[in-house]
Amino acid sequence: MTVTIRDALIYFDAYGSPLLGTVEIDTPLNANATLDIDVGNQNFTAFIKQIDCLIFKINNKEFGIITDNSFHTDDDYYYWNEYTESAAGHYLHENSAKHELI
């Protein structure tokens, strides 16, 4: 199954600047799951093991984080909303991909 996450921050390096775009993820999540990434007018494919972290807003209560080939949620909404607004330049849009990733 493929899950689409729009308005995601994609980090390939923990210390680098993130990419902002749409990601299609093949599930189940494992080291060989592929990510189809669309950033503006650039499209490319990567393995999930190649990213350091992927952050996206699930709803107005929690954020989703994919790291180390696994999916986590965090309900520290204020922290993540401010962090992602600073990194993306806007508040992220909601995604309903939580149940597909669990």
PDB file of N, CA and C in Angstrom:
ATOM      1  N   MET A   1       0.836  -1.170   0.000  1.00  0.00           N
ATOM      2  CA  MET A   1       0.000   0.000   0.000  1.00  0.00           C
ATOM      3  C   MET A   1       0.888   1.243   0.000  1.00  0.00           C
ATOM      4  N   THR A   2       0.462   2.274  -0.686  1.00  0.00           N
ATOM      5  CA  THR A   2       1.204   3.528  -0.740  1.00  0.00           C
ATOM      6  C   THR A   2       0.450   4.601   0.038  1.00  0.00           C
ATOM      7  N   VAL A   3       1.174   5.311   0.896  1.00  0.00           N
ATOM      8  CA  VAL A   3       0.613   6.387   1.702  1.00  0.00           C
ATOM      9  C   VAL A   3       1.198   7.706   1.208  1.00  0.00           C
ATOM     10  N   THR A   4       0.349   8.712   1.006  1.00  0.00           N
ATOM     11  CA  THR A   4       0.808  10.028   0.566  1.00  0.00           C
ATOM     12  C   THR A   4       0.774  11.006   1.738  1.00  0.00           C
ATOM     13  N   ILE A   5       1.898  11.672   1.949  1.00  0.00           N
ATOM     14  CA  ILE A   5       2.011  12.701   2.991  1.00  0.00           C
ATOM     15  C   ILE A   5       2.387  14.004   2.299  1.00  0.00           C
ATOM     16  N   ARG A   6       1.520  14.978   2.424  1.00  0.00           N
ATOM     17  CA  ARG A   6       1.774  16.283   1.821  1.00  0.00           C
ATOM     18  C   ARG A   6       2.325  17.244   2.874  1.00  0.00           C
ATOM     19  N   ASP A   7       3.113  18.180   2.439  1.00  0.00           N
ATOM     20  CA  ASP A   7       3.660  19.207   3.321  1.00  0.00           C
ATOM     21  C   ASP A   7       4.505  18.577   4.427  1.00  0.00           C
ATOM     22  N   ALA A   8       5.490  17.791   4.032  1.00  0.00           N
ATOM     23  CA  ALA A   8       6.372  17.099   4.972  1.00  0.00           C
ATOM     24  C   ALA A   8       7.767  17.715   4.930  1.00  0.00           C
ATOM     25  N   LEU A   9       8.419  17.713   6.070  1.00  0.00           N
ATOM     26  CA  LEU A   9       9.825  18.100   6.153  1.00  0.00           C
ATOM     27  C   LEU A   9      10.657  16.832   6.073  1.00  0.00           C
ATOM     28  N   ILE A  10      11.585  16.784   5.126  1.00  0.00           N
ATOM     29  CA  ILE A  10      12.404  15.599   4.901  1.00  0.00           C
ATOM     30  C   ILE A  10      13.863  15.960   5.176  1.00  0.00           C
ATOM     31  N   TYR A  11      14.445  15.307   6.161  1.00  0.00           N
ATOM     32  CA  TYR A  11      15.845  15.537   6.513  1.00  0.00           C
ATOM     33  C   TYR A  11      16.670  14.344   6.044  1.00  0.00           C
ATOM     34  N   PHE A  12      17.660  14.609   5.199  1.00  0.00           N
ATOM     35  CA  PHE A  12      18.599  13.561   4.804  1.00  0.00           C
ATOM     36  C   PHE A  12      19.824  13.578   5.700  1.00  0.00           C
ATOM     37  N   ASP A  13      20.013  14.668   6.414  1.00  0.00           N
ATOM     38  CA  ASP A  13      21.131  14.850   7.326  1.00  0.00           C
ATOM     39  C   ASP A  13      20.590  15.603   8.535  1.00  0.00           C
ATOM     40  N   ALA A  14      20.858  15.093   9.726  1.00  0.00           N
ATOM     41  CA  ALA A  14      20.324  15.713  10.940  1.00  0.00           C
ATOM     42  C   ALA A  14      20.767  17.161  11.095  1.00  0.00           C
ATOM     43  N   TYR A  15      21.870  17.526  10.477  1.00  0.00           N
ATOM     44  CA  TYR A  15      22.403  18.872  10.648  1.00  0.00           C
ATOM     45  C   TYR A  15      22.185  19.760   9.429  1.00  0.00           C
ATOM     46  N   GLY A  16      21.551  19.219   8.404  1.00  0.00           N
ATOM     47  CA  GLY A  16      21.321  19.979   7.177  1.00  0.00           C
ATOM     48  C   GLY A  16      19.943  20.608   7.142  1.00  0.00           C
ATOM     49  N   SER A  17      19.701  21.352   6.104  1.00  0.00           N
ATOM     50  CA  SER A  17      18.392  21.955   5.902  1.00  0.00           C
ATOM     51  C   SER A  17      17.436  20.912   5.341  1.00  0.00           C
ATOM     52  N   PRO A  18      16.176  20.966   5.772  1.00  0.00           N
ATOM     53  CA  PRO A  18      15.215  19.979   5.270  1.00  0.00           C
ATOM     54  C   PRO A  18      14.677  20.363   3.898  1.00  0.00           C
ATOM     55  N   LEU A  19      14.166  19.362   3.199  1.00  0.00           N
ATOM     56  CA  LEU A  19      13.385  19.589   1.992  1.00  0.00           C
ATOM     57  C   LEU A  19      11.925  19.648   2.427  1.00  0.00           C
ATOM     58  N   LEU A  20      11.124  20.412   1.720  1.00  0.00           N
ATOM     59  CA  LEU A  20       9.697  20.509   2.003  1.00  0.00           C
ATOM     60  C   LEU A  20       8.943  20.035   0.785  1.00  0.00           C
ATOM     61  N   GLY A  21       8.106  19.017   0.947  1.00  0.00           N
ATOM     62  CA  GLY A  21       7.394  18.520  -0.210  1.00  0.00           C
ATOM     63  C   GLY A  21       6.411  17.417   0.121  1.00  0.00           C
ATOM     64  N   THR A  22       6.015  16.705  -0.913  1.00  0.00           N
ATOM     65  CA  THR A  22       5.081  15.590  -0.805  1.00  0.00           C
ATOM     66  C   THR A  22       5.856  14.289  -0.916  1.00  0.00           C
ATOM     67  N   VAL A  23       5.500  13.335  -0.066  1.00  0.00           N
ATOM     68  CA  VAL A  23       6.190  12.051  -0.033  1.00  0.00           C
ATOM     69  C   VAL A  23       5.162  10.937  -0.165  1.00  0.00           C
ATOM     70  N   GLU A  24       5.420  10.008  -1.068  1.00  0.00           N
ATOM     71  CA  GLU A  24       4.636   8.779  -1.153  1.00  0.00           C
ATOM     72  C   GLU A  24       5.506   7.665  -0.611  1.00  0.00           C
ATOM     73  N   ILE A  25       4.979   6.953   0.387  1.00  0.00           N
ATOM     74  CA  ILE A  25       5.739   5.918   1.082  1.00  0.00           C
ATOM     75  C   ILE A  25       5.091   4.566   0.847  1.00  0.00           C
ATOM     76  N   ASP A  26       5.910   3.586   0.459  1.00  0.00           N
ATOM     77  CA  ASP A  26       5.425   2.215   0.373  1.00  0.00           C
ATOM     78  C   ASP A  26       5.427   1.623   1.770  1.00  0.00           C
ATOM     79  N   THR A  27       4.311   1.024   2.156  1.00  0.00           N
ATOM     80  CA  THR A  27       4.237   0.367   3.451  1.00  0.00           C
ATOM     81  C   THR A  27       4.211  -1.136   3.242  1.00  0.00           C
ATOM     82  N   PRO A  28       4.634  -1.936   4.188  1.00  0.00           N
ATOM     83  CA  PRO A  28       5.006  -1.580   5.548  1.00  0.00           C
ATOM     84  C   PRO A  28       6.371  -0.885   5.596  1.00  0.00           C
ATOM     85  N   LEU A  29       6.574  -0.122   6.675  1.00  0.00           N
ATOM     86  CA  LEU A  29       7.841   0.584   6.835  1.00  0.00           C
ATOM     87  C   LEU A  29       8.942  -0.394   7.197  1.00  0.00           C
ATOM     88  N   ASN A  30      10.003  -0.366   6.418  1.00  0.00           N
ATOM     89  CA  ASN A  30      11.215  -1.121   6.713  1.00  0.00           C
ATOM     90  C   ASN A  30      12.353  -0.425   5.974  1.00  0.00           C
ATOM     91  N   ALA A  31      13.558  -0.884   6.159  1.00  0.00           N
ATOM     92  CA  ALA A  31      14.726  -0.211   5.591  1.00  0.00           C
ATOM     93  C   ALA A  31      14.684  -0.110   4.078  1.00  0.00           C
ATOM     94  N   ASN A  32      13.974  -1.016   3.424  1.00  0.00           N
ATOM     95  CA  ASN A  32      13.916  -1.007   1.967  1.00  0.00           C
ATOM     96  C   ASN A  32      12.651  -0.375   1.405  1.00  0.00           C
ATOM     97  N   ALA A  33      11.796   0.188   2.263  1.00  0.00           N
ATOM     98  CA  ALA A  33      10.608   0.887   1.786  1.00  0.00           C
ATOM     99  C   ALA A  33      11.063   2.094   0.961  1.00  0.00           C
ATOM    100  N   THR A  34      10.376   2.352  -0.127  1.00  0.00           N
ATOM    101  CA  THR A  34      10.775   3.473  -0.979  1.00  0.00           C
ATOM    102  C   THR A  34       9.936   4.706  -0.719  1.00  0.00           C
ATOM    103  N   LEU A  35      10.576   5.840  -0.920  1.00  0.00           N
ATOM    104  CA  LEU A  35       9.932   7.144  -0.812  1.00  0.00           C
ATOM    105  C   LEU A  35       9.977   7.790  -2.180  1.00  0.00           C
ATOM    106  N   ASP A  36       8.840   8.179  -2.706  1.00  0.00           N
ATOM    107  CA  ASP A  36       8.801   8.997  -3.912  1.00  0.00           C
ATOM    108  C   ASP A  36       8.590  10.425  -3.435  1.00  0.00           C
ATOM    109  N   ILE A  37       9.578  11.268  -3.666  1.00  0.00           N
ATOM    110  CA  ILE A  37       9.594  12.615  -3.111  1.00  0.00           C
ATOM    111  C   ILE A  37       9.394  13.637  -4.222  1.00  0.00           C
ATOM    112  N   ASP A  38       8.469  14.547  -4.007  1.00  0.00           N
ATOM    113  CA  ASP A  38       8.171  15.626  -4.950  1.00  0.00           C
ATOM    114  C   ASP A  38       8.423  16.949  -4.234  1.00  0.00           C
ATOM    115  N   VAL A  39       9.465  17.641  -4.659  1.00  0.00           N
ATOM    116  CA  VAL A  39       9.833  18.925  -4.072  1.00  0.00           C
ATOM    117  C   VAL A  39       9.806  19.949  -5.192  1.00  0.00           C
ATOM    118  N   GLY A  40       8.754  20.759  -5.217  1.00  0.00           N
ATOM    119  CA  GLY A  40       8.622  21.742  -6.288  1.00  0.00           C
ATOM    120  C   GLY A  40       8.527  21.053  -7.629  1.00  0.00           C
ATOM    121  N   ASN A  41       9.495  21.316  -8.505  1.00  0.00           N
ATOM    122  CA  ASN A  41       9.476  20.687  -9.829  1.00  0.00           C
ATOM    123  C   ASN A  41      10.482  19.539  -9.929  1.00  0.00           C
ATOM    124  N   GLN A  42      10.975  19.063  -8.796  1.00  0.00           N
ATOM    125  CA  GLN A  42      11.917  17.946  -8.783  1.00  0.00           C
ATOM    126  C   GLN A  42      11.263  16.723  -8.159  1.00  0.00           C
ATOM    127  N   ASN A  43      11.433  15.585  -8.813  1.00  0.00           N
ATOM    128  CA  ASN A  43      10.931  14.315  -8.300  1.00  0.00           C
ATOM    129  C   ASN A  43      12.090  13.336  -8.212  1.00  0.00           C
ATOM    130  N   PHE A  44      12.172  12.612  -7.114  1.00  0.00           N
ATOM    131  CA  PHE A  44      13.199  11.585  -7.006  1.00  0.00           C
ATOM    132  C   PHE A  44      12.738  10.508  -6.037  1.00  0.00           C
ATOM    133  N   THR A  45      13.423   9.379  -6.072  1.00  0.00           N
ATOM    134  CA  THR A  45      13.099   8.239  -5.226  1.00  0.00           C
ATOM    135  C   THR A  45      14.278   7.945  -4.314  1.00  0.00           C
ATOM    136  N   ALA A  46      13.971   7.588  -3.069  1.00  0.00           N
ATOM    137  CA  ALA A  46      15.004   7.234  -2.093  1.00  0.00           C
ATOM    138  C   ALA A  46      14.468   6.091  -1.237  1.00  0.00           C
ATOM    139  N   PHE A  47      15.371   5.372  -0.613  1.00  0.00           N
ATOM    140  CA  PHE A  47      14.965   4.373   0.367  1.00  0.00           C
ATOM    141  C   PHE A  47      14.777   5.068   1.704  1.00  0.00           C
ATOM    142  N   ILE A  48      13.860   4.564   2.509  1.00  0.00           N
ATOM    143  CA  ILE A  48      13.597   5.182   3.802  1.00  0.00           C
ATOM    144  C   ILE A  48      14.847   5.174   4.686  1.00  0.00           C
ATOM    145  N   LYS A  49      15.724   4.184   4.503  1.00  0.00           N
ATOM    146  CA  LYS A  49      16.953   4.122   5.298  1.00  0.00           C
ATOM    147  C   LYS A  49      17.914   5.260   4.960  1.00  0.00           C
ATOM    148  N   GLN A  50      17.673   5.986   3.860  1.00  0.00           N
ATOM    149  CA  GLN A  50      18.540   7.086   3.460  1.00  0.00           C
ATOM    150  C   GLN A  50      18.165   8.406   4.137  1.00  0.00           C
ATOM    151  N   ILE A  51      16.976   8.472   4.737  1.00  0.00           N
ATOM    152  CA  ILE A  51      16.595   9.721   5.392  1.00  0.00           C
ATOM    153  C   ILE A  51      16.909   9.644   6.872  1.00  0.00           C
ATOM    154  N   ASP A  52      17.174  10.797   7.442  1.00  0.00           N
ATOM    155  CA  ASP A  52      17.401  10.870   8.879  1.00  0.00           C
ATOM    156  C   ASP A  52      16.066  10.989   9.606  1.00  0.00           C
ATOM    157  N   CYS A  53      15.166  11.813   9.044  1.00  0.00           N
ATOM    158  CA  CYS A  53      13.902  12.068   9.718  1.00  0.00           C
ATOM    159  C   CYS A  53      12.901  12.674   8.742  1.00  0.00           C
ATOM    160  N   LEU A  54      11.632  12.341   8.915  1.00  0.00           N
ATOM    161  CA  LEU A  54      10.545  12.922   8.145  1.00  0.00           C
ATOM    162  C   LEU A  54       9.489  13.374   9.152  1.00  0.00           C
ATOM    163  N   ILE A  55       9.091  14.638   9.087  1.00  0.00           N
ATOM    164  CA  ILE A  55       8.153  15.209  10.063  1.00  0.00           C
ATOM    165  C   ILE A  55       6.939  15.749   9.319  1.00  0.00           C
ATOM    166  N   PHE A  56       5.749  15.459   9.840  1.00  0.00           N
ATOM    167  CA  PHE A  56       4.522  15.962   9.232  1.00  0.00           C
ATOM    168  C   PHE A  56       3.441  16.127  10.295  1.00  0.00           C
ATOM    169  N   LYS A  57       2.479  16.991   9.999  1.00  0.00           N
ATOM    170  CA  LYS A  57       1.366  17.242  10.918  1.00  0.00           C
ATOM    171  C   LYS A  57       0.262  16.234  10.627  1.00  0.00           C
ATOM    172  N   ILE A  58      -0.203  15.549  11.676  1.00  0.00           N
ATOM    173  CA  ILE A  58      -1.304  14.600  11.533  1.00  0.00           C
ATOM    174  C   ILE A  58      -2.638  15.330  11.679  1.00  0.00           C
ATOM    175  N   ASN A  59      -2.758  16.094  12.750  1.00  0.00           N
ATOM    176  CA  ASN A  59      -3.980  16.855  13.024  1.00  0.00           C
ATOM    177  C   ASN A  59      -3.624  17.997  13.960  1.00  0.00           C
ATOM    178  N   ASN A  60      -4.617  18.629  14.554  1.00  0.00           N
ATOM    179  CA  ASN A  60      -4.349  19.756  15.451  1.00  0.00           C
ATOM    180  C   ASN A  60      -3.969  19.323  16.857  1.00  0.00           C
ATOM    181  N   LYS A  61      -3.573  18.068  17.017  1.00  0.00           N
ATOM    182  CA  LYS A  61      -3.150  17.572  18.322  1.00  0.00           C
ATOM    183  C   LYS A  61      -1.799  16.871  18.300  1.00  0.00           C
ATOM    184  N   GLU A  62      -1.398  16.357  17.125  1.00  0.00           N
ATOM    185  CA  GLU A  62      -0.152  15.591  17.104  1.00  0.00           C
ATOM    186  C   GLU A  62       0.563  15.651  15.756  1.00  0.00           C
ATOM    187  N   PHE A  63       1.845  15.348  15.829  1.00  0.00           N
ATOM    188  CA  PHE A  63       2.701  15.291  14.656  1.00  0.00           C
ATOM    189  C   PHE A  63       3.205  13.872  14.472  1.00  0.00           C
ATOM    190  N   GLY A  64       3.497  13.507  13.234  1.00  0.00           N
ATOM    191  CA  GLY A  64       4.067  12.218  12.910  1.00  0.00           C
ATOM    192  C   GLY A  64       5.541  12.374  12.592  1.00  0.00           C
ATOM    193  N   ILE A  65       6.320  11.421  13.028  1.00  0.00           N
ATOM    194  CA  ILE A  65       7.767  11.436  12.800  1.00  0.00           C
ATOM    195  C   ILE A  65       8.177  10.045  12.338  1.00  0.00           C
ATOM    196  N   ILE A  66       8.871   9.993  11.223  1.00  0.00           N
ATOM    197  CA  ILE A  66       9.419   8.723  10.746  1.00  0.00           C
ATOM    198  C   ILE A  66      10.932   8.835  10.847  1.00  0.00           C
ATOM    199  N   THR A  67      11.506   7.949  11.630  1.00  0.00           N
ATOM    200  CA  THR A  67      12.949   7.899  11.808  1.00  0.00           C
ATOM    201  C   THR A  67      13.337   6.464  12.148  1.00  0.00           C
ATOM    202  N   ASP A  68      14.528   6.064  11.786  1.00  0.00           N
ATOM    203  CA  ASP A  68      14.999   4.694  12.039  1.00  0.00           C
ATOM    204  C   ASP A  68      14.013   3.651  11.522  1.00  0.00           C
ATOM    205  N   ASN A  69      13.448   3.919  10.348  1.00  0.00           N
ATOM    206  CA  ASN A  69      12.538   2.986   9.673  1.00  0.00           C
ATOM    207  C   ASN A  69      11.247   2.716  10.442  1.00  0.00           C
ATOM    208  N   SER A  70      10.884   3.602  11.361  1.00  0.00           N
ATOM    209  CA  SER A  70       9.653   3.386  12.111  1.00  0.00           C
ATOM    210  C   SER A  70       8.886   4.700  12.293  1.00  0.00           C
ATOM    211  N   PHE A  71       7.601   4.562  12.575  1.00  0.00           N
ATOM    212  CA  PHE A  71       6.695   5.687  12.700  1.00  0.00           C
ATOM    213  C   PHE A  71       6.392   5.954  14.171  1.00  0.00           C
ATOM    214  N   HIS A  72       6.451   7.231  14.551  1.00  0.00           N
ATOM    215  CA  HIS A  72       6.155   7.656  15.917  1.00  0.00           C
ATOM    216  C   HIS A  72       5.221   8.853  15.860  1.00  0.00           C
ATOM    217  N   THR A  73       4.470   9.055  16.919  1.00  0.00           N
ATOM    218  CA  THR A  73       3.676  10.274  17.040  1.00  0.00           C
ATOM    219  C   THR A  73       4.122  11.022  18.278  1.00  0.00           C
ATOM    220  N   ASP A  74       3.918  12.322  18.257  1.00  0.00           N
ATOM    221  CA  ASP A  74       4.249  13.150  19.409  1.00  0.00           C
ATOM    222  C   ASP A  74       3.134  14.161  19.589  1.00  0.00           C
ATOM    223  N   ASP A  75       2.623  14.273  20.798  1.00  0.00           N
ATOM    224  CA  ASP A  75       1.523  15.190  21.058  1.00  0.00           C
ATOM    225  C   ASP A  75       1.980  16.514  21.673  1.00  0.00           C
ATOM    226  N   ASP A  76       3.295  16.795  21.620  1.00  0.00           N
ATOM    227  CA  ASP A  76       3.782  18.110  22.042  1.00  0.00           C
ATOM    228  C   ASP A  76       3.535  19.078  20.887  1.00  0.00           C
ATOM    229  N   TYR A  77       2.265  19.346  20.668  1.00  0.00           N
ATOM    230  CA  TYR A  77       1.811  20.102  19.499  1.00  0.00           C
ATOM    231  C   TYR A  77       2.468  21.471  19.402  1.00  0.00           C
ATOM    232  N   TYR A  78       2.532  22.202  20.502  1.00  0.00           N
ATOM    233  CA  TYR A  78       3.094  23.554  20.454  1.00  0.00           C
ATOM    234  C   TYR A  78       4.550  23.515  19.990  1.00  0.00           C
ATOM    235  N   TYR A  79       5.344  22.607  20.541  1.00  0.00           N
ATOM    236  CA  TYR A  79       6.752  22.515  20.153  1.00  0.00           C
ATOM    237  C   TYR A  79       6.890  22.239  18.660  1.00  0.00           C
ATOM    238  N   TRP A  80       6.225  21.184  18.182  1.00  0.00           N
ATOM    239  CA  TRP A  80       6.377  20.791  16.783  1.00  0.00           C
ATOM    240  C   TRP A  80       5.772  21.810  15.831  1.00  0.00           C
ATOM    241  N   ASN A  81       4.697  22.462  16.208  1.00  0.00           N
ATOM    242  CA  ASN A  81       4.089  23.471  15.342  1.00  0.00           C
ATOM    243  C   ASN A  81       5.046  24.645  15.160  1.00  0.00           C
ATOM    244  N   GLU A  82       5.664  25.089  16.237  1.00  0.00           N
ATOM    245  CA  GLU A  82       6.629  26.193  16.149  1.00  0.00           C
ATOM    246  C   GLU A  82       7.895  25.767  15.409  1.00  0.00           C
ATOM    247  N   TYR A  83       8.383  24.555  15.702  1.00  0.00           N
ATOM    248  CA  TYR A  83       9.594  24.060  15.030  1.00  0.00           C
ATOM    249  C   TYR A  83       9.381  23.953  13.521  1.00  0.00           C
ATOM    250  N   THR A  84       8.284  23.331  13.114  1.00  0.00           N
ATOM    251  CA  THR A  84       8.054  23.138  11.687  1.00  0.00           C
ATOM    252  C   THR A  84       7.739  24.451  10.982  1.00  0.00           C
ATOM    253  N   GLU A  85       7.083  25.375  11.680  1.00  0.00           N
ATOM    254  CA  GLU A  85       6.820  26.694  11.084  1.00  0.00           C
ATOM    255  C   GLU A  85       8.134  27.410  10.818  1.00  0.00           C
ATOM    256  N   SER A  86       9.056  27.289  11.738  1.00  0.00           N
ATOM    257  CA  SER A  86      10.368  27.916  11.563  1.00  0.00           C
ATOM    258  C   SER A  86      11.142  27.266  10.415  1.00  0.00           C
ATOM    259  N   ALA A  87      11.092  25.947  10.313  1.00  0.00           N
ATOM    260  CA  ALA A  87      11.837  25.222   9.280  1.00  0.00           C
ATOM    261  C   ALA A  87      11.193  25.355   7.900  1.00  0.00           C
ATOM    262  N   ALA A  88       9.857  25.359   7.843  1.00  0.00           N
ATOM    263  CA  ALA A  88       9.154  25.367   6.559  1.00  0.00           C
ATOM    264  C   ALA A  88       8.749  26.766   6.103  1.00  0.00           C
ATOM    265  N   GLY A  89       8.691  27.701   7.030  1.00  0.00           N
ATOM    266  CA  GLY A  89       8.252  29.047   6.674  1.00  0.00           C
ATOM    267  C   GLY A  89       6.743  29.213   6.731  1.00  0.00           C
ATOM    268  N   HIS A  90       6.040  28.173   7.134  1.00  0.00           N
ATOM    269  CA  HIS A  90       4.584  28.229   7.319  1.00  0.00           C
ATOM    270  C   HIS A  90       4.168  27.064   8.207  1.00  0.00           C
ATOM    271  N   TYR A  91       2.980  27.159   8.762  1.00  0.00           N
ATOM    272  CA  TYR A  91       2.469  26.028   9.539  1.00  0.00           C
ATOM    273  C   TYR A  91       2.103  24.911   8.580  1.00  0.00           C
ATOM    274  N   LEU A  92       2.491  23.694   8.907  1.00  0.00           N
ATOM    275  CA  LEU A  92       2.236  22.559   8.025  1.00  0.00           C
ATOM    276  C   LEU A  92       0.749  22.239   7.948  1.00  0.00           C
ATOM    277  N   HIS A  93       0.336  21.716   6.816  1.00  0.00           N
ATOM    278  CA  HIS A  93      -1.043  21.281   6.618  1.00  0.00           C
ATOM    279  C   HIS A  93      -1.231  19.889   7.209  1.00  0.00           C
ATOM    280  N   GLU A  94      -2.443  19.578   7.598  1.00  0.00           N
ATOM    281  CA  GLU A  94      -2.745  18.282   8.204  1.00  0.00           C
ATOM    282  C   GLU A  94      -2.717  17.148   7.182  1.00  0.00           C
ATOM    283  N   ASN A  95      -2.374  15.964   7.668  1.00  0.00           N
ATOM    284  CA  ASN A  95      -2.400  14.726   6.897  1.00  0.00           C
ATOM    285  C   ASN A  95      -3.150  13.689   7.712  1.00  0.00           C
ATOM    286  N   SER A  96      -3.833  12.806   7.065  1.00  0.00           N
ATOM    287  CA  SER A  96      -4.571  11.763   7.796  1.00  0.00           C
ATOM    288  C   SER A  96      -3.912  10.402   7.596  1.00  0.00           C
ATOM    289  N   ALA A  97      -2.597  10.364   7.530  1.00  0.00           N
ATOM    290  CA  ALA A  97      -1.880   9.127   7.208  1.00  0.00           C
ATOM    291  C   ALA A  97      -1.559   8.264   8.429  1.00  0.00           C
ATOM    292  N   LYS A  98      -1.959   8.678   9.608  1.00  0.00           N
ATOM    293  CA  LYS A  98      -1.571   7.956  10.823  1.00  0.00           C
ATOM    294  C   LYS A  98      -1.984   6.487  10.795  1.00  0.00           C
ATOM    295  N   HIS A  99      -3.226   6.210  10.511  1.00  0.00           N
ATOM    296  CA  HIS A  99      -3.712   4.826  10.587  1.00  0.00           C
ATOM    297  C   HIS A  99      -3.075   3.941   9.521  1.00  0.00           C
ATOM    298  N   GLU A 100      -2.708   4.501   8.380  1.00  0.00           N
ATOM    299  CA  GLU A 100      -2.080   3.709   7.328  1.00  0.00           C
ATOM    300  C   GLU A 100      -0.641   3.352   7.680  1.00  0.00           C
ATOM    301  N   LEU A 101      -0.013   4.123   8.568  1.00  0.00           N
ATOM    302  CA  LEU A 101       1.389   3.901   8.919  1.00  0.00           C
ATOM    303  C   LEU A 101       1.570   3.027  10.148  1.00  0.00           C
ATOM    304  N   ILE A 102       0.524   2.865  10.928  1.00  0.00           N
ATOM    305  CA  ILE A 102       0.646   2.084  12.169  1.00  0.00           C
ATOM    306  C   ILE A 102       0.772   0.609  11.831  1.00  0.00           C
TER     307      ILE A 102
END
